[in-house]
Amino acid sequence: MTKLIKATISISILFLLSFYIFQVNSLSKEIYLIENYEKQLNQLSEENEALEINFSKVNSLKNIVSYIETQNFERVNKIKYIRILETLVVLR
């Protein structure tokens, strides 16, 4: 009977040890993935900031004015509005 108990205890210890090793391995893999994702997130955040700065430089008022000048637009001297008489009605 003692051999059966020893064998059961030995098998239980081996099972628990194997399960422990599996859990530690899984945990290590998850920690590595999280660190990798954090590095990617930081890299993308820095890239996003650089793109926002470039976007604001490209769309600055100075660039818009120079674009307008190169497209042969002209300044408006006097604005004339069209008056619409409300008393007239069109009938068919």
N, C-alpha and C. Protein backbone atom coordinates (compact mmCIF):
# COMPACT_ATOMS: atom_id res chain seq x y z
N MET A 1 0.82 -1.19 0.00
CA MET A 1 0.00 0.00 0.00
C MET A 1 0.86 1.25 0.00
N THR A 2 1.99 1.22 0.64
CA THR A 2 2.86 2.39 0.69
C THR A 2 3.48 2.67 -0.67
N LYS A 3 3.71 1.62 -1.48
CA LYS A 3 4.26 1.83 -2.81
C LYS A 3 3.23 2.55 -3.69
N LEU A 4 1.98 2.23 -3.53
CA LEU A 4 0.92 2.89 -4.28
C LEU A 4 0.82 4.37 -3.91
N ILE A 5 0.93 4.67 -2.64
CA ILE A 5 0.88 6.06 -2.17
C ILE A 5 2.09 6.83 -2.69
N LYS A 6 3.28 6.19 -2.61
CA LYS A 6 4.49 6.86 -3.10
C LYS A 6 4.39 7.11 -4.61
N ALA A 7 3.88 6.14 -5.34
CA ALA A 7 3.74 6.30 -6.78
C ALA A 7 2.73 7.41 -7.09
N THR A 8 1.64 7.49 -6.37
CA THR A 8 0.63 8.53 -6.57
C THR A 8 1.20 9.90 -6.26
N ILE A 9 1.95 9.99 -5.19
CA ILE A 9 2.57 11.25 -4.80
C ILE A 9 3.60 11.67 -5.84
N SER A 10 4.39 10.74 -6.32
CA SER A 10 5.42 11.02 -7.32
C SER A 10 4.76 11.51 -8.63
N ILE A 11 3.72 10.84 -9.06
CA ILE A 11 3.01 11.24 -10.28
C ILE A 11 2.38 12.63 -10.08
N SER A 12 1.81 12.86 -8.92
CA SER A 12 1.21 14.17 -8.63
C SER A 12 2.25 15.27 -8.66
N ILE A 13 3.42 15.00 -8.07
CA ILE A 13 4.49 16.00 -8.06
C ILE A 13 4.98 16.28 -9.48
N LEU A 14 5.15 15.25 -10.26
CA LEU A 14 5.59 15.43 -11.65
C LEU A 14 4.54 16.22 -12.46
N PHE A 15 3.28 15.90 -12.25
CA PHE A 15 2.22 16.63 -12.94
C PHE A 15 2.21 18.10 -12.55
N LEU A 16 2.29 18.37 -11.24
CA LEU A 16 2.28 19.76 -10.77
C LEU A 16 3.52 20.52 -11.24
N LEU A 17 4.67 19.85 -11.26
CA LEU A 17 5.89 20.48 -11.74
C LEU A 17 5.79 20.81 -13.24
N SER A 18 5.24 19.89 -14.00
CA SER A 18 5.04 20.12 -15.43
C SER A 18 4.06 21.28 -15.65
N PHE A 19 3.00 21.28 -14.89
CA PHE A 19 2.01 22.35 -15.01
C PHE A 19 2.63 23.70 -14.64
N TYR A 20 3.46 23.74 -13.61
CA TYR A 20 4.14 24.95 -13.18
C TYR A 20 5.06 25.47 -14.29
N ILE A 21 5.84 24.58 -14.88
CA ILE A 21 6.75 24.96 -15.96
C ILE A 21 5.95 25.51 -17.15
N PHE A 22 4.84 24.88 -17.48
CA PHE A 22 3.99 25.35 -18.56
C PHE A 22 3.46 26.76 -18.27
N GLN A 23 3.02 27.00 -17.05
CA GLN A 23 2.48 28.31 -16.68
C GLN A 23 3.56 29.40 -16.73
N VAL A 24 4.76 29.07 -16.24
CA VAL A 24 5.85 30.05 -16.25
C VAL A 24 6.22 30.38 -17.70
N ASN A 25 6.25 29.36 -18.55
CA ASN A 25 6.56 29.58 -19.96
C ASN A 25 5.51 30.47 -20.62
N SER A 26 4.25 30.19 -20.36
CA SER A 26 3.17 31.01 -20.93
C SER A 26 3.24 32.44 -20.43
N LEU A 27 3.50 32.60 -19.16
CA LEU A 27 3.59 33.94 -18.58
C LEU A 27 4.76 34.71 -19.18
N SER A 28 5.88 34.05 -19.36
CA SER A 28 7.05 34.71 -19.97
C SER A 28 6.75 35.15 -21.39
N LYS A 29 6.07 34.31 -22.14
CA LYS A 29 5.71 34.66 -23.51
C LYS A 29 4.78 35.86 -23.54
N GLU A 30 3.80 35.90 -22.66
CA GLU A 30 2.86 37.02 -22.61
C GLU A 30 3.56 38.32 -22.22
N ILE A 31 4.48 38.26 -21.28
CA ILE A 31 5.23 39.45 -20.87
C ILE A 31 6.06 39.97 -22.04
N TYR A 32 6.70 39.07 -22.77
CA TYR A 32 7.49 39.47 -23.93
C TYR A 32 6.59 40.15 -24.98
N LEU A 33 5.43 39.58 -25.24
CA LEU A 33 4.52 40.17 -26.23
C LEU A 33 4.04 41.54 -25.79
N ILE A 34 3.73 41.70 -24.52
CA ILE A 34 3.27 43.00 -24.01
C ILE A 34 4.37 44.05 -24.16
N GLU A 35 5.62 43.69 -23.83
CA GLU A 35 6.72 44.64 -23.99
C GLU A 35 6.92 45.01 -25.46
N ASN A 36 6.78 44.02 -26.33
CA ASN A 36 6.93 44.28 -27.76
C ASN A 36 5.82 45.21 -28.25
N TYR A 37 4.59 44.99 -27.81
CA TYR A 37 3.48 45.85 -28.20
C TYR A 37 3.66 47.27 -27.65
N GLU A 38 4.20 47.39 -26.46
CA GLU A 38 4.44 48.72 -25.90
C GLU A 38 5.49 49.47 -26.71
N LYS A 39 6.54 48.76 -27.15
CA LYS A 39 7.56 49.39 -27.99
C LYS A 39 6.95 49.85 -29.31
N GLN A 40 6.11 49.00 -29.90
CA GLN A 40 5.45 49.38 -31.16
C GLN A 40 4.54 50.58 -30.95
N LEU A 41 3.82 50.60 -29.83
CA LEU A 41 2.93 51.71 -29.53
C LEU A 41 3.71 53.02 -29.38
N ASN A 42 4.83 52.97 -28.68
CA ASN A 42 5.66 54.16 -28.52
C ASN A 42 6.21 54.64 -29.86
N GLN A 43 6.64 53.69 -30.68
CA GLN A 43 7.16 54.04 -32.00
C GLN A 43 6.08 54.68 -32.86
N LEU A 44 4.89 54.11 -32.85
CA LEU A 44 3.79 54.68 -33.64
C LEU A 44 3.36 56.04 -33.10
N SER A 45 3.42 56.23 -31.80
CA SER A 45 3.07 57.53 -31.21
C SER A 45 4.06 58.60 -31.66
N GLU A 46 5.36 58.27 -31.66
CA GLU A 46 6.37 59.22 -32.11
C GLU A 46 6.19 59.52 -33.60
N GLU A 47 5.90 58.51 -34.38
CA GLU A 47 5.68 58.69 -35.81
C GLU A 47 4.45 59.57 -36.05
N ASN A 48 3.41 59.36 -35.25
CA ASN A 48 2.19 60.16 -35.37
C ASN A 48 2.46 61.63 -35.06
N GLU A 49 3.24 61.89 -34.03
CA GLU A 49 3.58 63.26 -33.68
C GLU A 49 4.36 63.93 -34.82
N ALA A 50 5.30 63.20 -35.40
CA ALA A 50 6.08 63.74 -36.52
C ALA A 50 5.17 64.04 -37.71
N LEU A 51 4.23 63.16 -37.98
CA LEU A 51 3.29 63.38 -39.08
C LEU A 51 2.39 64.58 -38.82
N GLU A 52 1.95 64.75 -37.59
CA GLU A 52 1.12 65.90 -37.25
C GLU A 52 1.90 67.20 -37.45
N ILE A 53 3.17 67.21 -37.07
CA ILE A 53 4.00 68.41 -37.26
C ILE A 53 4.17 68.70 -38.74
N ASN A 54 4.45 67.67 -39.52
CA ASN A 54 4.60 67.86 -40.96
C ASN A 54 3.30 68.34 -41.59
N PHE A 55 2.19 67.80 -41.15
CA PHE A 55 0.88 68.21 -41.68
C PHE A 55 0.62 69.69 -41.39
N SER A 56 0.94 70.12 -40.18
CA SER A 56 0.70 71.52 -39.84
C SER A 56 1.63 72.44 -40.63
N LYS A 57 2.85 71.98 -40.91
CA LYS A 57 3.76 72.79 -41.72
C LYS A 57 3.25 72.91 -43.15
N VAL A 58 2.78 71.82 -43.70
CA VAL A 58 2.30 71.82 -45.08
C VAL A 58 1.07 72.69 -45.23
N ASN A 59 0.20 72.67 -44.25
CA ASN A 59 -1.06 73.42 -44.34
C ASN A 59 -0.99 74.80 -43.71
N SER A 60 0.20 75.31 -43.55
CA SER A 60 0.30 76.64 -42.95
C SER A 60 -0.22 77.69 -43.92
N LEU A 61 -0.56 78.83 -43.42
CA LEU A 61 -1.13 79.91 -44.22
C LEU A 61 -0.14 80.39 -45.28
N LYS A 62 1.12 80.39 -44.96
CA LYS A 62 2.13 80.83 -45.91
C LYS A 62 2.14 79.93 -47.15
N ASN A 63 2.04 78.64 -46.93
CA ASN A 63 2.03 77.71 -48.07
C ASN A 63 0.76 77.85 -48.89
N ILE A 64 -0.33 78.13 -48.23
CA ILE A 64 -1.60 78.31 -48.95
C ILE A 64 -1.54 79.57 -49.81
N VAL A 65 -0.97 80.64 -49.28
CA VAL A 65 -0.85 81.88 -50.05
C VAL A 65 0.05 81.66 -51.25
N SER A 66 1.17 80.99 -51.08
CA SER A 66 2.06 80.74 -52.21
C SER A 66 1.40 79.83 -53.24
N TYR A 67 0.58 78.89 -52.79
CA TYR A 67 -0.15 78.04 -53.73
C TYR A 67 -1.14 78.86 -54.55
N ILE A 68 -1.84 79.77 -53.91
CA ILE A 68 -2.81 80.62 -54.59
C ILE A 68 -2.10 81.48 -55.64
N GLU A 69 -0.94 81.99 -55.29
CA GLU A 69 -0.20 82.83 -56.24
C GLU A 69 0.27 82.03 -57.45
N THR A 70 0.65 80.79 -57.25
CA THR A 70 1.11 79.97 -58.38
C THR A 70 -0.04 79.51 -59.26
N GLN A 71 -1.26 79.54 -58.77
CA GLN A 71 -2.41 79.09 -59.55
C GLN A 71 -3.11 80.23 -60.29
N ASN A 72 -2.49 81.40 -60.30
CA ASN A 72 -2.99 82.57 -61.03
C ASN A 72 -4.37 83.04 -60.55
N PHE A 73 -4.62 82.95 -59.28
CA PHE A 73 -5.83 83.54 -58.72
C PHE A 73 -5.63 85.05 -58.62
N GLU A 74 -6.72 85.78 -58.64
CA GLU A 74 -6.64 87.23 -58.52
C GLU A 74 -7.40 87.68 -57.28
N ARG A 75 -6.95 88.81 -56.74
CA ARG A 75 -7.65 89.38 -55.58
C ARG A 75 -8.95 90.04 -56.04
N VAL A 76 -9.93 89.98 -55.20
CA VAL A 76 -11.23 90.59 -55.50
C VAL A 76 -11.17 92.05 -55.05
N ASN A 77 -11.55 92.94 -56.00
CA ASN A 77 -11.53 94.37 -55.67
C ASN A 77 -12.82 94.82 -55.02
N LYS A 78 -13.94 94.48 -55.67
CA LYS A 78 -15.22 94.90 -55.15
C LYS A 78 -16.19 93.73 -55.26
N ILE A 79 -16.96 93.53 -54.24
CA ILE A 79 -17.93 92.43 -54.22
C ILE A 79 -19.29 92.98 -54.59
N LYS A 80 -19.94 92.33 -55.55
CA LYS A 80 -21.29 92.73 -55.96
C LYS A 80 -22.24 91.58 -55.66
N TYR A 81 -23.33 91.90 -55.02
CA TYR A 81 -24.32 90.91 -54.66
C TYR A 81 -25.50 90.97 -55.62
N ILE A 82 -26.14 89.85 -55.85
CA ILE A 82 -27.33 89.79 -56.68
C ILE A 82 -28.54 89.93 -55.78
N ARG A 83 -29.44 90.86 -56.15
CA ARG A 83 -30.66 91.03 -55.36
C ARG A 83 -31.76 90.17 -55.96
N ILE A 84 -32.45 89.47 -55.10
CA ILE A 84 -33.57 88.66 -55.53
C ILE A 84 -34.83 89.29 -54.94
N LEU A 85 -35.78 89.61 -55.82
CA LEU A 85 -37.01 90.22 -55.36
C LEU A 85 -37.94 89.12 -54.86
N GLU A 86 -38.41 89.28 -53.68
CA GLU A 86 -39.25 88.27 -53.07
C GLU A 86 -40.70 88.34 -53.54
N THR A 87 -41.07 89.42 -54.17
CA THR A 87 -42.47 89.58 -54.59
C THR A 87 -42.80 88.85 -55.87
N LEU A 88 -41.81 88.46 -56.62
CA LEU A 88 -42.04 87.77 -57.88
C LEU A 88 -42.16 86.26 -57.64
N VAL A 89 -43.12 85.67 -58.35
CA VAL A 89 -43.31 84.23 -58.26
C VAL A 89 -43.33 83.68 -59.67
N VAL A 90 -42.69 82.57 -59.88
CA VAL A 90 -42.67 81.98 -61.21
C VAL A 90 -43.80 80.98 -61.29
N LEU A 91 -44.62 81.08 -62.37
CA LEU A 91 -45.71 80.14 -62.58
C LEU A 91 -45.49 79.39 -63.89
N ARG A 92 -45.99 78.19 -63.94
CA ARG A 92 -45.92 77.41 -65.18
C ARG A 92 -47.18 77.48 -65.94
